[in-house]
């Protein structure tokens, strides 16, 4: 029968060899409070834990810009999204874990390879009890280090509420510049973009 007894098993190994390569090595960091956190790439197996974390910090935050339907994802939706990020050479999903719990994440969603001008959109969220401890700086620094080694990405962009002064300062310190305001949306779109600004960083 050989090593691979079933065609499905062969496809499984080929998928992981070709598309599931590690982009960023896992690293341990110490927060300002002395707490240790592990920063690593997100995996499909993290889907449920990540969904729980995102739902928690969205509910407690006044500043995150989230459409209602984004919180209605199923586990299958989340798995598909993570799989697509891992397969896209211009995208990255970083998770922050404390004692095994997902406490924050940063997503860098890059353009597909078919686009000539490569750009990436950054979104980040952290559980309330771990904010203002230096975790945002760590996640952003690791993401930017990876992006600068990716020779296809040329510019990164993000959206942030102007009132979220600590986040704006964090991005400015990293080199992001304000490009403009988010245009007003139709009322039926049900997303609060009030006083939202767009920031970009040329790599």
N, C-alpha and C. Protein backbone atom coordinates (compact mmCIF):
# COMPACT_ATOMS: atom_id res chain seq x y z
N UNK A 1 0.83 -1.22 0.00
CA UNK A 1 0.00 0.00 0.00
C UNK A 1 0.86 1.27 0.00
N UNK A 2 2.15 1.18 0.45
CA UNK A 2 3.00 2.35 0.50
C UNK A 2 2.75 3.17 1.75
N UNK A 3 3.44 4.33 1.83
CA UNK A 3 3.32 5.18 3.00
C UNK A 3 1.92 5.78 3.09
N UNK A 4 1.39 6.26 1.97
CA UNK A 4 0.09 6.89 1.97
C UNK A 4 -0.97 5.88 1.53
N UNK A 5 -1.77 5.43 2.47
CA UNK A 5 -2.76 4.42 2.16
C UNK A 5 -4.01 5.03 1.53
N UNK A 6 -4.23 6.30 1.72
CA UNK A 6 -5.42 6.95 1.18
C UNK A 6 -5.02 8.24 0.49
N UNK A 7 -5.72 8.54 -0.59
CA UNK A 7 -5.43 9.76 -1.33
C UNK A 7 -5.63 10.99 -0.45
N UNK A 8 -6.65 10.96 0.42
CA UNK A 8 -6.92 12.09 1.30
C UNK A 8 -5.74 12.38 2.22
N UNK A 9 -5.07 11.34 2.65
CA UNK A 9 -3.91 11.52 3.52
C UNK A 9 -2.78 12.21 2.76
N UNK A 10 -2.61 11.81 1.50
CA UNK A 10 -1.58 12.44 0.67
C UNK A 10 -1.88 13.92 0.50
N UNK A 11 -3.15 14.26 0.21
CA UNK A 11 -3.54 15.65 0.04
C UNK A 11 -3.30 16.44 1.33
N UNK A 12 -3.55 15.81 2.47
CA UNK A 12 -3.34 16.47 3.76
C UNK A 12 -1.88 16.87 3.94
N UNK A 13 -0.98 15.94 3.66
CA UNK A 13 0.44 16.23 3.82
C UNK A 13 0.93 17.26 2.80
N UNK A 14 0.42 17.17 1.57
CA UNK A 14 0.83 18.13 0.56
C UNK A 14 0.36 19.53 0.93
N UNK A 15 -0.87 19.65 1.45
CA UNK A 15 -1.41 20.96 1.85
C UNK A 15 -0.52 21.59 2.91
N UNK A 16 -0.19 20.82 3.93
CA UNK A 16 0.60 21.38 5.04
C UNK A 16 2.02 21.70 4.60
N UNK A 17 2.55 20.95 3.65
CA UNK A 17 3.90 21.23 3.17
C UNK A 17 3.94 22.49 2.31
N UNK A 18 2.92 22.64 1.45
CA UNK A 18 2.94 23.74 0.48
C UNK A 18 2.36 25.04 1.02
N UNK A 19 1.32 24.95 1.87
CA UNK A 19 0.57 26.15 2.22
C UNK A 19 0.60 26.51 3.71
N UNK A 20 1.11 25.66 4.55
CA UNK A 20 0.99 25.92 5.98
C UNK A 20 2.35 26.13 6.63
N UNK A 21 3.24 26.76 5.89
CA UNK A 21 4.57 27.02 6.43
C UNK A 21 4.51 28.14 7.47
N UNK A 22 5.36 28.06 8.47
CA UNK A 22 5.41 29.07 9.53
C UNK A 22 6.05 30.35 8.99
N UNK A 23 5.37 31.48 9.18
CA UNK A 23 5.88 32.76 8.72
C UNK A 23 6.66 33.48 9.81
N UNK A 24 6.22 33.30 11.06
CA UNK A 24 6.85 33.97 12.20
C UNK A 24 7.06 32.96 13.32
N UNK A 25 8.28 32.91 13.83
CA UNK A 25 8.57 31.99 14.94
C UNK A 25 7.92 32.50 16.22
N UNK A 26 7.43 31.60 17.04
CA UNK A 26 6.82 31.97 18.33
C UNK A 26 7.87 32.58 19.25
N UNK A 27 7.49 33.65 19.97
CA UNK A 27 8.41 34.32 20.88
C UNK A 27 7.70 34.66 22.18
N UNK A 28 8.45 34.67 23.26
CA UNK A 28 7.89 35.05 24.56
C UNK A 28 8.34 36.46 24.91
N UNK A 29 7.42 37.26 25.44
CA UNK A 29 7.71 38.64 25.83
C UNK A 29 7.21 38.88 27.25
N UNK A 30 7.73 39.91 27.88
CA UNK A 30 7.30 40.29 29.23
C UNK A 30 6.61 41.65 29.15
N UNK A 31 5.39 41.73 29.65
CA UNK A 31 4.65 42.99 29.66
C UNK A 31 5.18 43.92 30.75
N UNK A 32 4.71 45.15 30.76
CA UNK A 32 5.14 46.13 31.76
C UNK A 32 4.84 45.66 33.18
N UNK A 33 3.83 44.81 33.31
CA UNK A 33 3.41 44.32 34.62
C UNK A 33 4.20 43.09 35.06
N UNK A 34 5.10 42.61 34.20
CA UNK A 34 5.86 41.41 34.52
C UNK A 34 5.21 40.13 34.02
N UNK A 35 4.01 40.22 33.49
CA UNK A 35 3.32 39.04 32.96
C UNK A 35 3.97 38.60 31.65
N UNK A 36 4.10 37.30 31.48
CA UNK A 36 4.69 36.75 30.27
C UNK A 36 3.61 36.43 29.25
N UNK A 37 3.88 36.80 28.00
CA UNK A 37 2.94 36.48 26.93
C UNK A 37 3.70 35.80 25.79
N UNK A 38 2.99 34.94 25.10
CA UNK A 38 3.54 34.25 23.94
C UNK A 38 2.91 34.86 22.70
N UNK A 39 3.74 35.27 21.75
CA UNK A 39 3.26 35.79 20.47
C UNK A 39 3.57 34.74 19.41
N UNK A 40 2.54 34.29 18.73
CA UNK A 40 2.74 33.29 17.67
C UNK A 40 1.68 33.47 16.59
N UNK A 41 1.90 32.77 15.49
CA UNK A 41 0.91 32.79 14.41
C UNK A 41 -0.37 32.09 14.83
N UNK A 42 -1.49 32.60 14.34
CA UNK A 42 -2.75 31.93 14.58
C UNK A 42 -2.89 30.71 13.69
N UNK A 43 -3.53 29.68 14.23
CA UNK A 43 -3.76 28.44 13.49
C UNK A 43 -5.26 28.19 13.39
N UNK A 44 -5.63 27.32 12.46
CA UNK A 44 -7.04 26.97 12.30
C UNK A 44 -7.61 26.45 13.60
N UNK A 45 -6.80 25.72 14.35
CA UNK A 45 -7.26 25.16 15.63
C UNK A 45 -7.58 26.23 16.67
N UNK A 46 -7.15 27.48 16.43
CA UNK A 46 -7.42 28.57 17.37
C UNK A 46 -8.76 29.25 17.13
N UNK A 47 -9.52 28.77 16.16
CA UNK A 47 -10.73 29.47 15.72
C UNK A 47 -11.68 29.82 16.85
N UNK A 48 -12.08 28.83 17.64
CA UNK A 48 -13.06 29.07 18.70
C UNK A 48 -12.53 30.02 19.76
N UNK A 49 -11.29 29.80 20.19
CA UNK A 49 -10.70 30.65 21.22
C UNK A 49 -10.59 32.09 20.74
N UNK A 50 -10.21 32.27 19.48
CA UNK A 50 -10.08 33.63 18.94
C UNK A 50 -11.45 34.30 18.84
N UNK A 51 -12.46 33.56 18.42
CA UNK A 51 -13.81 34.12 18.34
C UNK A 51 -14.29 34.61 19.70
N UNK A 52 -14.04 33.83 20.73
CA UNK A 52 -14.47 34.21 22.08
C UNK A 52 -13.77 35.49 22.53
N UNK A 53 -12.47 35.58 22.25
CA UNK A 53 -11.70 36.76 22.64
C UNK A 53 -12.19 38.00 21.91
N UNK A 54 -12.39 37.88 20.61
CA UNK A 54 -12.84 39.02 19.81
C UNK A 54 -14.20 39.50 20.29
N UNK A 55 -15.12 38.58 20.54
CA UNK A 55 -16.45 38.98 21.01
C UNK A 55 -16.37 39.71 22.36
N UNK A 56 -15.44 39.27 23.20
CA UNK A 56 -15.31 39.90 24.52
C UNK A 56 -14.76 41.31 24.40
N UNK A 57 -13.69 41.51 23.61
CA UNK A 57 -13.14 42.86 23.57
C UNK A 57 -13.98 43.82 22.72
N UNK A 58 -14.75 43.29 21.80
CA UNK A 58 -15.64 44.16 21.03
C UNK A 58 -16.74 44.71 21.92
N UNK A 59 -17.28 43.87 22.78
CA UNK A 59 -18.37 44.28 23.67
C UNK A 59 -17.91 45.35 24.66
N UNK A 60 -16.66 45.26 25.11
CA UNK A 60 -16.17 46.17 26.15
C UNK A 60 -15.48 47.42 25.60
N UNK A 61 -15.31 47.50 24.28
CA UNK A 61 -14.57 48.63 23.71
C UNK A 61 -15.51 49.67 23.11
N UNK A 62 -15.15 50.94 23.31
CA UNK A 62 -15.90 52.04 22.69
C UNK A 62 -15.31 52.42 21.34
N UNK A 63 -14.16 51.86 21.01
CA UNK A 63 -13.41 52.38 19.88
C UNK A 63 -13.32 51.45 18.67
N UNK A 64 -13.58 50.17 18.85
CA UNK A 64 -13.42 49.25 17.73
C UNK A 64 -14.51 49.48 16.69
N UNK A 65 -14.12 49.37 15.44
CA UNK A 65 -15.04 49.58 14.32
C UNK A 65 -15.41 48.22 13.76
N UNK A 66 -16.58 47.75 14.12
CA UNK A 66 -16.99 46.40 13.75
C UNK A 66 -18.41 46.41 13.22
N UNK A 67 -18.61 45.80 12.07
CA UNK A 67 -19.96 45.64 11.53
C UNK A 67 -20.67 44.53 12.29
N UNK A 68 -21.98 44.65 12.54
CA UNK A 68 -22.71 43.64 13.31
C UNK A 68 -22.54 42.23 12.79
N UNK A 69 -22.53 42.06 11.46
CA UNK A 69 -22.45 40.70 10.92
C UNK A 69 -21.10 40.04 11.16
N UNK A 70 -20.08 40.84 11.51
CA UNK A 70 -18.77 40.27 11.78
C UNK A 70 -18.77 39.42 13.05
N UNK A 71 -19.73 39.65 13.95
CA UNK A 71 -19.81 38.89 15.19
C UNK A 71 -20.71 37.68 15.04
N UNK A 72 -21.24 37.47 13.86
CA UNK A 72 -22.13 36.34 13.62
C UNK A 72 -21.43 35.19 12.92
N UNK A 73 -20.13 35.27 12.78
CA UNK A 73 -19.38 34.20 12.13
C UNK A 73 -19.53 32.88 12.87
N UNK A 74 -19.58 31.81 12.12
CA UNK A 74 -19.57 30.47 12.71
C UNK A 74 -18.12 30.02 12.84
N UNK A 75 -17.92 28.92 13.54
CA UNK A 75 -16.56 28.37 13.66
C UNK A 75 -16.02 28.04 12.28
N UNK A 76 -16.88 27.52 11.42
CA UNK A 76 -16.46 27.19 10.05
C UNK A 76 -16.01 28.44 9.30
N UNK A 77 -16.73 29.56 9.49
CA UNK A 77 -16.34 30.82 8.87
C UNK A 77 -14.96 31.26 9.36
N UNK A 78 -14.77 31.15 10.66
CA UNK A 78 -13.49 31.57 11.26
C UNK A 78 -12.35 30.69 10.78
N UNK A 79 -12.59 29.40 10.69
CA UNK A 79 -11.57 28.48 10.20
C UNK A 79 -11.18 28.82 8.76
N UNK A 80 -12.18 29.10 7.94
CA UNK A 80 -11.92 29.46 6.54
C UNK A 80 -11.10 30.74 6.46
N UNK A 81 -11.45 31.73 7.29
CA UNK A 81 -10.73 33.00 7.29
C UNK A 81 -9.27 32.81 7.69
N UNK A 82 -9.03 32.05 8.75
CA UNK A 82 -7.66 31.80 9.21
C UNK A 82 -6.88 31.04 8.15
N UNK A 83 -7.52 30.06 7.54
CA UNK A 83 -6.85 29.27 6.50
C UNK A 83 -6.43 30.16 5.33
N UNK A 84 -7.30 31.08 4.95
CA UNK A 84 -6.98 31.99 3.85
C UNK A 84 -5.83 32.92 4.20
N UNK A 85 -5.80 33.41 5.44
CA UNK A 85 -4.68 34.26 5.88
C UNK A 85 -3.37 33.49 5.83
N UNK A 86 -3.39 32.25 6.26
CA UNK A 86 -2.16 31.45 6.28
C UNK A 86 -1.68 31.12 4.87
N UNK A 87 -2.62 30.97 3.94
CA UNK A 87 -2.24 30.62 2.58
C UNK A 87 -1.76 31.83 1.78
N UNK A 88 -2.20 33.03 2.17
CA UNK A 88 -1.80 34.23 1.45
C UNK A 88 -0.41 34.66 1.92
N UNK A 89 0.58 34.69 1.03
CA UNK A 89 1.94 35.06 1.45
C UNK A 89 2.07 36.49 1.93
N UNK A 90 1.04 37.32 1.64
CA UNK A 90 1.09 38.72 2.05
C UNK A 90 0.22 39.02 3.27
N UNK A 91 -0.25 37.97 3.94
CA UNK A 91 -1.11 38.15 5.12
C UNK A 91 -0.50 37.46 6.33
N UNK A 92 -0.88 37.96 7.51
CA UNK A 92 -0.35 37.41 8.75
C UNK A 92 -1.37 37.55 9.87
N UNK A 93 -1.52 36.51 10.66
CA UNK A 93 -2.37 36.55 11.86
C UNK A 93 -1.50 36.24 13.07
N UNK A 94 -1.37 37.22 13.97
CA UNK A 94 -0.61 37.02 15.19
C UNK A 94 -1.56 36.94 16.38
N UNK A 95 -1.29 36.01 17.28
CA UNK A 95 -2.06 35.88 18.51
C UNK A 95 -1.15 36.15 19.70
N UNK A 96 -1.72 36.74 20.74
CA UNK A 96 -1.02 36.91 22.02
C UNK A 96 -1.70 36.00 23.02
N UNK A 97 -0.92 35.18 23.71
CA UNK A 97 -1.47 34.24 24.69
C UNK A 97 -0.82 34.44 26.05
N UNK A 98 -1.64 34.39 27.08
CA UNK A 98 -1.15 34.43 28.47
C UNK A 98 -1.70 33.20 29.18
N UNK A 99 -0.80 32.35 29.63
CA UNK A 99 -1.17 31.10 30.29
C UNK A 99 -2.15 30.28 29.43
N UNK A 100 -1.88 30.29 28.13
CA UNK A 100 -2.68 29.49 27.20
C UNK A 100 -3.94 30.16 26.69
N UNK A 101 -4.31 31.32 27.25
CA UNK A 101 -5.52 32.02 26.83
C UNK A 101 -5.19 33.06 25.77
N UNK A 102 -5.99 33.12 24.72
CA UNK A 102 -5.82 34.16 23.70
C UNK A 102 -6.30 35.48 24.29
N UNK A 103 -5.40 36.46 24.39
CA UNK A 103 -5.74 37.74 25.01
C UNK A 103 -5.72 38.90 24.02
N UNK A 104 -5.28 38.63 22.81
CA UNK A 104 -5.24 39.68 21.80
C UNK A 104 -4.82 39.12 20.46
N UNK A 105 -5.02 39.91 19.43
CA UNK A 105 -4.63 39.47 18.09
C UNK A 105 -4.37 40.67 17.19
N UNK A 106 -3.56 40.44 16.18
CA UNK A 106 -3.32 41.43 15.13
C UNK A 106 -3.43 40.71 13.80
N UNK A 107 -4.27 41.26 12.92
CA UNK A 107 -4.43 40.69 11.58
C UNK A 107 -3.83 41.66 10.57
N UNK A 108 -2.99 41.16 9.71
CA UNK A 108 -2.47 41.94 8.59
C UNK A 108 -2.96 41.23 7.33
N UNK A 109 -3.94 41.82 6.68
CA UNK A 109 -4.54 41.21 5.50
C UNK A 109 -3.98 41.87 4.25
N UNK A 110 -3.17 41.13 3.51
CA UNK A 110 -2.52 41.66 2.33
C UNK A 110 -3.30 41.42 1.06
N UNK A 111 -2.96 42.19 0.03
CA UNK A 111 -3.57 41.99 -1.28
C UNK A 111 -3.16 40.63 -1.81
N UNK A 112 -3.96 40.12 -2.72
CA UNK A 112 -3.61 38.85 -3.36
C UNK A 112 -2.43 39.03 -4.29
N UNK A 113 -1.82 37.94 -4.69
CA UNK A 113 -0.64 38.01 -5.55
C UNK A 113 -0.94 38.57 -6.93
N UNK A 114 -2.23 38.59 -7.31
CA UNK A 114 -2.57 39.08 -8.65
C UNK A 114 -2.49 40.60 -8.76
N UNK A 115 -2.38 41.29 -7.60
CA UNK A 115 -2.30 42.75 -7.62
C UNK A 115 -0.86 43.21 -7.74
N UNK A 116 -0.66 44.25 -8.57
CA UNK A 116 0.69 44.75 -8.78
C UNK A 116 1.17 45.56 -7.57
N UNK A 117 0.32 46.45 -7.07
CA UNK A 117 0.66 47.26 -5.90
C UNK A 117 0.18 46.55 -4.65
N UNK A 118 1.09 46.07 -3.85
CA UNK A 118 0.73 45.27 -2.69
C UNK A 118 0.53 46.16 -1.47
N UNK A 119 -0.64 46.04 -0.86
CA UNK A 119 -0.93 46.78 0.37
C UNK A 119 -1.48 45.82 1.41
N UNK A 120 -1.42 46.24 2.66
CA UNK A 120 -1.92 45.41 3.75
C UNK A 120 -2.76 46.22 4.71
N UNK A 121 -3.85 45.63 5.18
CA UNK A 121 -4.74 46.29 6.14
C UNK A 121 -4.53 45.67 7.52
N UNK A 122 -4.26 46.52 8.50
CA UNK A 122 -4.00 46.05 9.87
C UNK A 122 -5.22 46.31 10.75
N UNK A 123 -5.59 45.29 11.52
CA UNK A 123 -6.59 45.45 12.59
C UNK A 123 -6.03 44.77 13.84
N UNK A 124 -6.32 45.34 14.99
CA UNK A 124 -5.78 44.79 16.23
C UNK A 124 -6.79 44.95 17.35
N UNK A 125 -6.83 43.96 18.24
CA UNK A 125 -7.71 44.03 19.40
C UNK A 125 -7.09 43.31 20.58
N UNK A 126 -7.34 43.83 21.78
CA UNK A 126 -6.76 43.27 23.00
C UNK A 126 -7.82 43.28 24.10
N UNK A 127 -7.87 42.22 24.89
CA UNK A 127 -8.80 42.19 26.02
C UNK A 127 -8.53 43.38 26.95
N UNK A 128 -9.59 43.92 27.51
CA UNK A 128 -9.48 45.15 28.30
C UNK A 128 -8.46 45.05 29.43
N UNK A 129 -8.42 43.91 30.12
CA UNK A 129 -7.52 43.79 31.27
C UNK A 129 -6.05 43.71 30.88
N UNK A 130 -5.77 43.56 29.58
CA UNK A 130 -4.37 43.50 29.14
C UNK A 130 -3.99 44.73 28.32
N UNK A 131 -4.84 45.72 28.28
CA UNK A 131 -4.53 46.96 27.57
C UNK A 131 -3.63 47.85 28.42
N UNK A 132 -2.91 48.74 27.74
CA UNK A 132 -2.00 49.70 28.40
C UNK A 132 -0.88 49.00 29.18
N UNK A 133 -0.48 47.83 28.70
CA UNK A 133 0.61 47.10 29.34
C UNK A 133 1.77 46.85 28.36
N UNK A 134 1.67 47.45 27.17
CA UNK A 134 2.73 47.28 26.19
C UNK A 134 2.48 46.18 25.18
N UNK A 135 1.33 45.50 25.29
CA UNK A 135 1.06 44.39 24.38
C UNK A 135 0.82 44.87 22.95
N UNK A 136 0.12 46.00 22.81
CA UNK A 136 -0.12 46.54 21.47
C UNK A 136 1.18 46.85 20.75
N UNK A 137 2.13 47.42 21.48
CA UNK A 137 3.44 47.75 20.89
C UNK A 137 4.16 46.49 20.44
N UNK A 138 4.07 45.44 21.23
CA UNK A 138 4.73 44.17 20.89
C UNK A 138 4.13 43.57 19.63
N UNK A 139 2.81 43.49 19.59
CA UNK A 139 2.13 42.91 18.42
C UNK A 139 2.45 43.71 17.16
N UNK A 140 2.38 45.03 17.26
CA UNK A 140 2.64 45.87 16.10
C UNK A 140 4.08 45.76 15.65
N UNK A 141 5.01 45.75 16.59
CA UNK A 141 6.42 45.65 16.24
C UNK A 141 6.73 44.34 15.52
N UNK A 142 6.15 43.23 16.00
CA UNK A 142 6.39 41.94 15.36
C UNK A 142 5.78 41.89 13.96
N UNK A 143 4.60 42.48 13.81
CA UNK A 143 3.95 42.50 12.50
C UNK A 143 4.74 43.34 11.50
N UNK A 144 5.23 44.50 11.95
CA UNK A 144 5.99 45.37 11.05
C UNK A 144 7.32 44.74 10.66
N UNK A 145 7.95 44.04 11.59
CA UNK A 145 9.21 43.36 11.27
C UNK A 145 8.99 42.33 10.17
N UNK A 146 7.89 41.59 10.27
CA UNK A 146 7.58 40.60 9.23
C UNK A 146 7.25 41.30 7.91
N UNK A 147 6.45 42.36 7.97
CA UNK A 147 6.03 43.06 6.75
C UNK A 147 7.22 43.64 6.00
N UNK A 148 8.21 44.12 6.73
CA UNK A 148 9.37 44.73 6.07
C UNK A 148 10.26 43.69 5.40
N UNK A 149 10.12 42.45 5.81
CA UNK A 149 10.87 41.37 5.16
C UNK A 149 10.09 40.77 3.99
N UNK A 150 8.83 41.16 3.88
CA UNK A 150 8.00 40.70 2.77
C UNK A 150 8.18 41.68 1.62
N UNK A 151 8.87 41.26 0.59
CA UNK A 151 9.27 42.19 -0.46
C UNK A 151 8.12 42.60 -1.37
N UNK A 152 6.95 41.99 -1.20
CA UNK A 152 5.81 42.37 -2.04
C UNK A 152 4.98 43.49 -1.42
N UNK A 153 4.91 43.53 -0.10
CA UNK A 153 4.13 44.57 0.56
C UNK A 153 4.82 45.92 0.45
N UNK A 154 4.07 46.94 0.08
CA UNK A 154 4.63 48.27 -0.11
C UNK A 154 4.08 49.30 0.88
N UNK A 155 2.84 49.12 1.28
CA UNK A 155 2.22 50.08 2.18
C UNK A 155 1.23 49.36 3.10
N UNK A 156 1.16 49.82 4.35
CA UNK A 156 0.20 49.29 5.30
C UNK A 156 -0.79 50.40 5.66
N UNK A 157 -2.03 50.03 5.87
CA UNK A 157 -3.03 51.02 6.26
C UNK A 157 -3.89 50.47 7.39
N UNK A 158 -4.54 51.36 8.09
CA UNK A 158 -5.42 50.97 9.19
C UNK A 158 -6.43 52.07 9.43
N UNK A 159 -7.43 51.74 10.21
CA UNK A 159 -8.48 52.70 10.54
C UNK A 159 -8.63 52.72 12.06
N UNK A 160 -8.73 53.90 12.63
CA UNK A 160 -8.80 54.02 14.08
C UNK A 160 -9.66 55.22 14.45
N UNK A 161 -10.36 55.12 15.57
CA UNK A 161 -11.14 56.26 16.06
C UNK A 161 -10.19 57.35 16.56
N UNK A 162 -10.45 58.57 16.16
CA UNK A 162 -9.59 59.69 16.60
C UNK A 162 -9.57 59.81 18.12
N UNK A 163 -10.69 59.48 18.77
CA UNK A 163 -10.78 59.59 20.22
C UNK A 163 -9.93 58.54 20.94
N UNK A 164 -9.52 57.51 20.23
CA UNK A 164 -8.69 56.47 20.83
C UNK A 164 -7.24 56.95 20.81
N UNK A 165 -6.95 57.89 21.68
CA UNK A 165 -5.66 58.59 21.64
C UNK A 165 -4.46 57.68 21.85
N UNK A 166 -4.59 56.69 22.73
CA UNK A 166 -3.45 55.80 22.98
C UNK A 166 -3.12 54.98 21.74
N UNK A 167 -4.15 54.55 21.00
CA UNK A 167 -3.91 53.79 19.78
C UNK A 167 -3.31 54.67 18.70
N UNK A 168 -3.82 55.89 18.58
CA UNK A 168 -3.27 56.82 17.59
C UNK A 168 -1.80 57.10 17.88
N UNK A 169 -1.46 57.32 19.15
CA UNK A 169 -0.05 57.56 19.52
C UNK A 169 0.81 56.34 19.20
N UNK A 170 0.28 55.15 19.47
CA UNK A 170 1.03 53.93 19.18
C UNK A 170 1.37 53.84 17.70
N UNK A 171 0.38 54.09 16.86
CA UNK A 171 0.60 53.99 15.41
C UNK A 171 1.52 55.10 14.91
N UNK A 172 1.37 56.30 15.45
CA UNK A 172 2.25 57.40 15.04
C UNK A 172 3.69 57.11 15.43
N UNK A 173 3.89 56.55 16.61
CA UNK A 173 5.23 56.21 17.08
C UNK A 173 5.88 55.18 16.16
N UNK A 174 5.04 54.31 15.57
CA UNK A 174 5.56 53.28 14.66
C UNK A 174 5.78 53.82 13.26
N UNK A 175 5.40 55.08 13.01
CA UNK A 175 5.64 55.69 11.71
C UNK A 175 4.42 55.90 10.85
N UNK A 176 3.25 55.50 11.33
CA UNK A 176 2.02 55.71 10.55
C UNK A 176 1.67 57.20 10.53
N UNK A 177 1.12 57.64 9.41
CA UNK A 177 0.70 59.03 9.25
C UNK A 177 -0.78 59.09 8.90
N UNK A 178 -1.44 60.13 9.39
CA UNK A 178 -2.87 60.31 9.11
C UNK A 178 -3.04 60.73 7.66
N UNK A 179 -3.90 60.01 6.94
CA UNK A 179 -4.15 60.30 5.53
C UNK A 179 -5.49 60.99 5.31
N UNK A 180 -6.42 60.80 6.22
CA UNK A 180 -7.73 61.43 6.04
C UNK A 180 -8.78 60.80 6.92
N UNK A 181 -10.01 61.28 6.76
CA UNK A 181 -11.13 60.77 7.54
C UNK A 181 -11.89 59.73 6.73
N UNK A 182 -12.50 58.79 7.44
CA UNK A 182 -13.37 57.82 6.81
C UNK A 182 -14.63 58.54 6.32
N UNK A 183 -14.99 58.38 5.05
CA UNK A 183 -16.21 59.03 4.56
C UNK A 183 -17.45 58.51 5.26
N UNK A 184 -18.47 59.36 5.37
CA UNK A 184 -19.72 58.95 6.00
C UNK A 184 -20.38 57.85 5.19
N UNK A 185 -21.02 56.92 5.90
CA UNK A 185 -21.71 55.82 5.26
C UNK A 185 -23.21 56.04 5.32
N UNK A 186 -23.92 55.31 4.48
CA UNK A 186 -25.38 55.37 4.51
C UNK A 186 -25.87 54.82 5.84
N UNK A 187 -26.94 55.39 6.41
CA UNK A 187 -27.45 54.96 7.73
C UNK A 187 -27.72 53.47 7.82
N UNK A 188 -28.17 52.86 6.71
CA UNK A 188 -28.53 51.45 6.78
C UNK A 188 -27.34 50.52 6.96
N UNK A 189 -26.12 51.04 6.81
CA UNK A 189 -24.96 50.17 6.95
C UNK A 189 -24.63 49.89 8.41
N UNK A 190 -25.20 50.66 9.33
CA UNK A 190 -25.18 50.33 10.75
C UNK A 190 -23.78 50.19 11.35
N UNK A 191 -22.82 50.90 10.84
CA UNK A 191 -21.47 50.84 11.39
C UNK A 191 -21.08 52.24 11.86
N UNK A 192 -20.57 52.33 13.08
CA UNK A 192 -20.19 53.63 13.63
C UNK A 192 -18.77 53.98 13.22
N UNK A 193 -18.64 54.79 12.17
CA UNK A 193 -17.33 55.23 11.72
C UNK A 193 -17.06 56.67 12.17
N UNK A 194 -17.85 57.17 13.12
CA UNK A 194 -17.75 58.56 13.53
C UNK A 194 -16.34 58.93 13.96
N UNK A 195 -15.85 60.03 13.37
CA UNK A 195 -14.51 60.53 13.69
C UNK A 195 -13.45 59.44 13.58
N UNK A 196 -13.57 58.67 12.53
CA UNK A 196 -12.60 57.61 12.27
C UNK A 196 -11.57 58.13 11.28
N UNK A 197 -10.29 57.85 11.53
CA UNK A 197 -9.24 58.33 10.63
C UNK A 197 -8.51 57.16 10.00
N UNK A 198 -7.96 57.42 8.82
CA UNK A 198 -7.19 56.42 8.09
C UNK A 198 -5.71 56.78 8.22
N UNK A 199 -4.89 55.79 8.56
CA UNK A 199 -3.46 56.01 8.71
C UNK A 199 -2.71 55.02 7.81
N UNK A 200 -1.58 55.46 7.28
CA UNK A 200 -0.79 54.59 6.40
C UNK A 200 0.69 54.64 6.77
N UNK A 201 1.39 53.59 6.36
CA UNK A 201 2.83 53.49 6.58
C UNK A 201 3.47 52.92 5.33
N UNK A 202 4.40 53.66 4.73
CA UNK A 202 5.15 53.15 3.59
C UNK A 202 6.30 52.29 4.09
N UNK A 203 6.41 51.10 3.55
CA UNK A 203 7.45 50.17 4.01
C UNK A 203 8.76 50.40 3.27
